[in-house]
Amino acid sequence: MLELLKTNLGTVLAVLGAACAAIFPGWGSAKGVGLVGQAAAGVVTEDPSKFGKVLILQILPGTQGLYGFLTAFLLMVQINIIGGDFAPVPLAQGMMYLGACMPMAVVGYFSAIAQAKAAASGVGIVAKRPDESGKAITFAAMVETYAVLALLISILAIFSIAGLSVR
């Protein structure tokens, strides 16, 4: 049993990284979309014609969950758990994969919630001045920049690790 764990610990750590990359941004996105949905429901109750504008704001915090899913999927493909000939990942490489997933896991979670707060405030803009919805979307979209940067660094790290020779 101990030998099996030693042989596969690198793979376990890599899969843990993929799980973190999917779970935490997904969790933040679920909280965020719910938060904006609550604000949007009040606006739509008063004026159903604003549904489309507030729906766009509600969708925005959901992107971090998609980025986390993409990061996890790419890592699983990279280590051949999906669509390849599986071979155990060396321990050092598994630790690096775990670390590579952390930018997306951490930034994805927190940026989804921050984006939701900005989008929920944007719902207030739409409620009072629907013609200014583009500004509300811009405020919320600015937070997205950091989720995209985290996605890029995680993906670059995942693909860079594969080329390293680790002993």
C-alpha atoms as a PDB file:
ATOM      1  CA  MET A   1       0.000   0.000   0.000  1.00  0.00           C
ATOM      2  CA  LEU A   2       2.807   2.406   0.909  1.00  0.00           C
ATOM      3  CA  GLU A   3       4.603   1.600  -2.347  1.00  0.00           C
ATOM      4  CA  LEU A   4       1.419   2.287  -4.323  1.00  0.00           C
ATOM      5  CA  LEU A   5       1.088   5.667  -2.614  1.00  0.00           C
ATOM      6  CA  LYS A   6       4.756   6.502  -3.291  1.00  0.00           C
ATOM      7  CA  THR A   7       4.368   5.589  -6.945  1.00  0.00           C
ATOM      8  CA  ASN A   8       1.214   7.681  -7.404  1.00  0.00           C
ATOM      9  CA  LEU A   9       1.670  10.609  -4.992  1.00  0.00           C
ATOM     10  CA  GLY A  10       2.731  12.944  -7.800  1.00  0.00           C
ATOM     11  CA  THR A  11      -0.415  12.054  -9.725  1.00  0.00           C
ATOM     12  CA  VAL A  12      -2.537  12.541  -6.606  1.00  0.00           C
ATOM     13  CA  LEU A  13      -1.078  16.026  -6.108  1.00  0.00           C
ATOM     14  CA  ALA A  14      -1.620  16.933  -9.764  1.00  0.00           C
ATOM     15  CA  VAL A  15      -5.246  15.780  -9.600  1.00  0.00           C
ATOM     16  CA  LEU A  16      -5.657  17.716  -6.340  1.00  0.00           C
ATOM     17  CA  GLY A  17      -4.459  20.800  -8.208  1.00  0.00           C
ATOM     18  CA  ALA A  18      -7.002  20.177 -10.967  1.00  0.00           C
ATOM     19  CA  ALA A  19      -9.729  19.718  -8.361  1.00  0.00           C
ATOM     20  CA  CYS A  20      -8.814  22.990  -6.634  1.00  0.00           C
ATOM     21  CA  ALA A  21      -8.760  24.808  -9.978  1.00  0.00           C
ATOM     22  CA  ALA A  22     -12.293  23.606 -10.690  1.00  0.00           C
ATOM     23  CA  ILE A  23     -13.839  23.704  -7.209  1.00  0.00           C
ATOM     24  CA  PHE A  24     -12.830  27.100  -5.845  1.00  0.00           C
ATOM     25  CA  PRO A  25     -13.631  29.272  -8.885  1.00  0.00           C
ATOM     26  CA  GLY A  26     -16.823  27.245  -9.362  1.00  0.00           C
ATOM     27  CA  TRP A  27     -17.776  27.889  -5.768  1.00  0.00           C
ATOM     28  CA  GLY A  28     -17.064  31.613  -6.115  1.00  0.00           C
ATOM     29  CA  SER A  29     -19.021  31.749  -9.377  1.00  0.00           C
ATOM     30  CA  ALA A  30     -22.018  29.998  -7.845  1.00  0.00           C
ATOM     31  CA  LYS A  31     -22.024  32.444  -4.934  1.00  0.00           C
ATOM     32  CA  GLY A  32     -21.518  35.375  -7.297  1.00  0.00           C
ATOM     33  CA  VAL A  33     -24.208  34.460  -9.789  1.00  0.00           C
ATOM     34  CA  GLY A  34     -26.608  33.932  -6.891  1.00  0.00           C
ATOM     35  CA  LEU A  35     -25.778  37.300  -5.365  1.00  0.00           C
ATOM     36  CA  VAL A  36     -26.354  39.178  -8.612  1.00  0.00           C
ATOM     37  CA  GLY A  37     -29.483  37.115  -9.293  1.00  0.00           C
ATOM     38  CA  GLN A  38     -30.983  38.297  -6.010  1.00  0.00           C
ATOM     39  CA  ALA A  39     -30.382  41.928  -6.937  1.00  0.00           C
ATOM     40  CA  ALA A  40     -31.632  41.373 -10.479  1.00  0.00           C
ATOM     41  CA  ALA A  41     -34.848  39.699  -9.324  1.00  0.00           C
ATOM     42  CA  GLY A  42     -35.896  42.859  -7.524  1.00  0.00           C
ATOM     43  CA  VAL A  43     -35.348  44.973 -10.635  1.00  0.00           C
ATOM     44  CA  VAL A  44     -37.213  42.550 -12.896  1.00  0.00           C
ATOM     45  CA  THR A  45     -40.122  42.478 -10.421  1.00  0.00           C
ATOM     46  CA  GLU A  46     -40.518  46.219 -10.902  1.00  0.00           C
ATOM     47  CA  ASP A  47     -39.765  46.299 -14.628  1.00  0.00           C
ATOM     48  CA  PRO A  48     -39.644  42.991 -16.576  1.00  0.00           C
ATOM     49  CA  SER A  49     -38.288  44.764 -19.675  1.00  0.00           C
ATOM     50  CA  LYS A  50     -34.887  45.101 -17.936  1.00  0.00           C
ATOM     51  CA  PHE A  51     -34.424  41.316 -17.778  1.00  0.00           C
ATOM     52  CA  GLY A  52     -31.899  41.131 -20.644  1.00  0.00           C
ATOM     53  CA  LYS A  53     -29.701  43.879 -19.213  1.00  0.00           C
ATOM     54  CA  VAL A  54     -29.558  42.432 -15.709  1.00  0.00           C
ATOM     55  CA  LEU A  55     -29.066  38.903 -17.061  1.00  0.00           C
ATOM     56  CA  ILE A  56     -25.790  39.988 -18.690  1.00  0.00           C
ATOM     57  CA  LEU A  57     -24.621  41.311 -15.319  1.00  0.00           C
ATOM     58  CA  GLN A  58     -25.647  38.076 -13.626  1.00  0.00           C
ATOM     59  CA  ILE A  59     -23.700  35.941 -16.109  1.00  0.00           C
ATOM     60  CA  LEU A  60     -20.384  37.784 -15.595  1.00  0.00           C
ATOM     61  CA  PRO A  61     -19.321  36.210 -12.261  1.00  0.00           C
ATOM     62  CA  GLY A  62     -19.894  32.772 -13.797  1.00  0.00           C
ATOM     63  CA  THR A  63     -16.893  33.024 -16.083  1.00  0.00           C
ATOM     64  CA  GLN A  64     -14.402  32.211 -13.320  1.00  0.00           C
ATOM     65  CA  GLY A  65     -16.045  28.808 -12.916  1.00  0.00           C
ATOM     66  CA  LEU A  66     -15.534  28.205 -16.634  1.00  0.00           C
ATOM     67  CA  TYR A  67     -11.884  29.260 -16.386  1.00  0.00           C
ATOM     68  CA  GLY A  68     -11.374  26.875 -13.477  1.00  0.00           C
ATOM     69  CA  PHE A  69     -12.980  24.056 -15.430  1.00  0.00           C
ATOM     70  CA  LEU A  70     -10.733  24.808 -18.415  1.00  0.00           C
ATOM     71  CA  THR A  71      -7.613  24.801 -16.224  1.00  0.00           C
ATOM     72  CA  ALA A  72      -8.580  21.475 -14.632  1.00  0.00           C
ATOM     73  CA  PHE A  73      -9.424  19.926 -18.002  1.00  0.00           C
ATOM     74  CA  LEU A  74      -6.137  21.015 -19.595  1.00  0.00           C
ATOM     75  CA  LEU A  75      -4.149  19.623 -16.681  1.00  0.00           C
ATOM     76  CA  MET A  76      -6.004  16.288 -16.830  1.00  0.00           C
ATOM     77  CA  VAL A  77      -5.236  16.087 -20.556  1.00  0.00           C
ATOM     78  CA  GLN A  78      -1.617  17.115 -19.928  1.00  0.00           C
ATOM     79  CA  ILE A  79      -1.042  14.292 -17.430  1.00  0.00           C
ATOM     80  CA  ASN A  80      -2.872  11.829 -19.683  1.00  0.00           C
ATOM     81  CA  ILE A  81      -5.729  11.063 -17.328  1.00  0.00           C
ATOM     82  CA  ILE A  82      -8.078  12.164 -20.098  1.00  0.00           C
ATOM     83  CA  GLY A  83      -7.454  10.893 -23.603  1.00  0.00           C
ATOM     84  CA  GLY A  84      -3.986   9.442 -23.292  1.00  0.00           C
ATOM     85  CA  ASP A  85      -1.782   6.666 -22.047  1.00  0.00           C
ATOM     86  CA  PHE A  86      -1.688   7.183 -18.307  1.00  0.00           C
ATOM     87  CA  ALA A  87       1.689   7.051 -16.584  1.00  0.00           C
ATOM     88  CA  PRO A  88       2.276   8.104 -12.963  1.00  0.00           C
ATOM     89  CA  VAL A  89       3.433  11.686 -12.509  1.00  0.00           C
ATOM     90  CA  PRO A  90       6.709  12.038 -10.572  1.00  0.00           C
ATOM     91  CA  LEU A  91       6.322  13.576  -7.110  1.00  0.00           C
ATOM     92  CA  ALA A  92       8.221  16.799  -7.911  1.00  0.00           C
ATOM     93  CA  GLN A  93       6.201  17.313 -11.084  1.00  0.00           C
ATOM     94  CA  GLY A  94       2.950  16.659  -9.223  1.00  0.00           C
ATOM     95  CA  MET A  95       3.869  19.315  -6.686  1.00  0.00           C
ATOM     96  CA  MET A  96       4.584  21.763  -9.506  1.00  0.00           C
ATOM     97  CA  TYR A  97       1.221  20.992 -11.146  1.00  0.00           C
ATOM     98  CA  LEU A  98      -0.517  21.598  -7.827  1.00  0.00           C
ATOM     99  CA  GLY A  99       1.252  24.947  -7.556  1.00  0.00           C
ATOM    100  CA  ALA A 100       0.439  25.803 -11.169  1.00  0.00           C
ATOM    101  CA  CYS A 101      -3.267  25.464 -10.430  1.00  0.00           C
ATOM    102  CA  MET A 102      -3.222  27.752  -7.400  1.00  0.00           C
ATOM    103  CA  PRO A 103      -3.405  31.089  -9.273  1.00  0.00           C
ATOM    104  CA  MET A 104      -6.639  30.003 -10.937  1.00  0.00           C
ATOM    105  CA  ALA A 105      -8.015  28.411  -7.759  1.00  0.00           C
ATOM    106  CA  VAL A 106      -7.394  31.394  -5.485  1.00  0.00           C
ATOM    107  CA  VAL A 107      -7.842  34.328  -7.844  1.00  0.00           C
ATOM    108  CA  GLY A 108     -10.809  32.627  -9.512  1.00  0.00           C
ATOM    109  CA  TYR A 109     -12.649  32.285  -6.210  1.00  0.00           C
ATOM    110  CA  PHE A 110     -12.038  35.813  -4.973  1.00  0.00           C
ATOM    111  CA  SER A 111     -12.510  37.549  -8.322  1.00  0.00           C
ATOM    112  CA  ALA A 112     -15.872  35.840  -8.874  1.00  0.00           C
ATOM    113  CA  ILE A 113     -17.132  37.261  -5.602  1.00  0.00           C
ATOM    114  CA  ALA A 114     -15.622  40.706  -6.238  1.00  0.00           C
ATOM    115  CA  GLN A 115     -17.103  40.725  -9.719  1.00  0.00           C
ATOM    116  CA  ALA A 116     -20.489  39.776  -8.303  1.00  0.00           C
ATOM    117  CA  LYS A 117     -20.402  42.742  -5.946  1.00  0.00           C
ATOM    118  CA  ALA A 118     -19.571  45.084  -8.819  1.00  0.00           C
ATOM    119  CA  ALA A 119     -22.275  43.497 -10.995  1.00  0.00           C
ATOM    120  CA  ALA A 120     -24.873  43.692  -8.203  1.00  0.00           C
ATOM    121  CA  SER A 121     -24.103  47.397  -7.897  1.00  0.00           C
ATOM    122  CA  GLY A 122     -24.464  47.604 -11.672  1.00  0.00           C
ATOM    123  CA  VAL A 123     -27.959  46.179 -11.343  1.00  0.00           C
ATOM    124  CA  GLY A 124     -28.758  49.327  -9.355  1.00  0.00           C
ATOM    125  CA  ILE A 125     -27.542  51.425 -12.279  1.00  0.00           C
ATOM    126  CA  VAL A 126     -29.798  49.492 -14.656  1.00  0.00           C
ATOM    127  CA  ALA A 127     -32.747  49.924 -12.288  1.00  0.00           C
ATOM    128  CA  LYS A 128     -32.505  53.708 -12.357  1.00  0.00           C
ATOM    129  CA  ARG A 129     -30.844  54.395 -15.710  1.00  0.00           C
ATOM    130  CA  PRO A 130     -31.214  51.439 -18.078  1.00  0.00           C
ATOM    131  CA  ASP A 131     -29.513  53.307 -20.928  1.00  0.00           C
ATOM    132  CA  GLU A 132     -26.287  53.297 -18.843  1.00  0.00           C
ATOM    133  CA  SER A 133     -26.098  49.494 -18.650  1.00  0.00           C
ATOM    134  CA  GLY A 134     -22.880  49.480 -20.687  1.00  0.00           C
ATOM    135  CA  LYS A 135     -21.141  51.360 -17.894  1.00  0.00           C
ATOM    136  CA  ALA A 136     -22.437  48.865 -15.340  1.00  0.00           C
ATOM    137  CA  ILE A 137     -21.094  45.998 -17.438  1.00  0.00           C
ATOM    138  CA  THR A 138     -17.725  47.751 -17.802  1.00  0.00           C
ATOM    139  CA  PHE A 139     -17.360  48.157 -14.027  1.00  0.00           C
ATOM    140  CA  ALA A 140     -18.001  44.455 -13.497  1.00  0.00           C
ATOM    141  CA  ALA A 141     -15.875  43.383 -16.462  1.00  0.00           C
ATOM    142  CA  MET A 142     -12.810  45.187 -15.097  1.00  0.00           C
ATOM    143  CA  VAL A 143     -12.598  42.570 -12.330  1.00  0.00           C
ATOM    144  CA  GLU A 144     -12.487  39.894 -15.031  1.00  0.00           C
ATOM    145  CA  THR A 145      -9.002  41.044 -16.013  1.00  0.00           C
ATOM    146  CA  TYR A 146      -7.492  39.401 -12.950  1.00  0.00           C
ATOM    147  CA  ALA A 147      -9.290  36.119 -13.490  1.00  0.00           C
ATOM    148  CA  VAL A 148      -8.004  36.059 -17.075  1.00  0.00           C
ATOM    149  CA  LEU A 149      -4.450  36.747 -15.876  1.00  0.00           C
ATOM    150  CA  ALA A 150      -4.720  33.905 -13.351  1.00  0.00           C
ATOM    151  CA  LEU A 151      -6.031  31.594 -16.070  1.00  0.00           C
ATOM    152  CA  LEU A 152      -3.135  32.491 -18.343  1.00  0.00           C
ATOM    153  CA  ILE A 153      -0.448  31.989 -15.717  1.00  0.00           C
ATOM    154  CA  SER A 154      -1.929  28.648 -14.647  1.00  0.00           C
ATOM    155  CA  ILE A 155      -2.117  27.401 -18.234  1.00  0.00           C
ATOM    156  CA  LEU A 156       1.394  28.633 -19.066  1.00  0.00           C
ATOM    157  CA  ALA A 157       2.741  26.944 -15.954  1.00  0.00           C
ATOM    158  CA  ILE A 158       0.940  23.665 -16.709  1.00  0.00           C
ATOM    159  CA  PHE A 159       2.357  23.511 -20.222  1.00  0.00           C
ATOM    160  CA  SER A 160       5.834  24.579 -19.071  1.00  0.00           C
ATOM    161  CA  ILE A 161       6.044  21.870 -16.404  1.00  0.00           C
ATOM    162  CA  ALA A 162       5.476  19.114 -18.947  1.00  0.00           C
ATOM    163  CA  GLY A 163       8.747  19.987 -20.690  1.00  0.00           C
ATOM    164  CA  LEU A 164      10.857  19.921 -17.524  1.00  0.00           C
ATOM    165  CA  SER A 165      12.883  16.883 -16.654  1.00  0.00           C
ATOM    166  CA  VAL A 166      12.328  16.157 -12.986  1.00  0.00           C
ATOM    167  CA  ARG A 167      14.035  13.419 -11.041  1.00  0.00           C
END
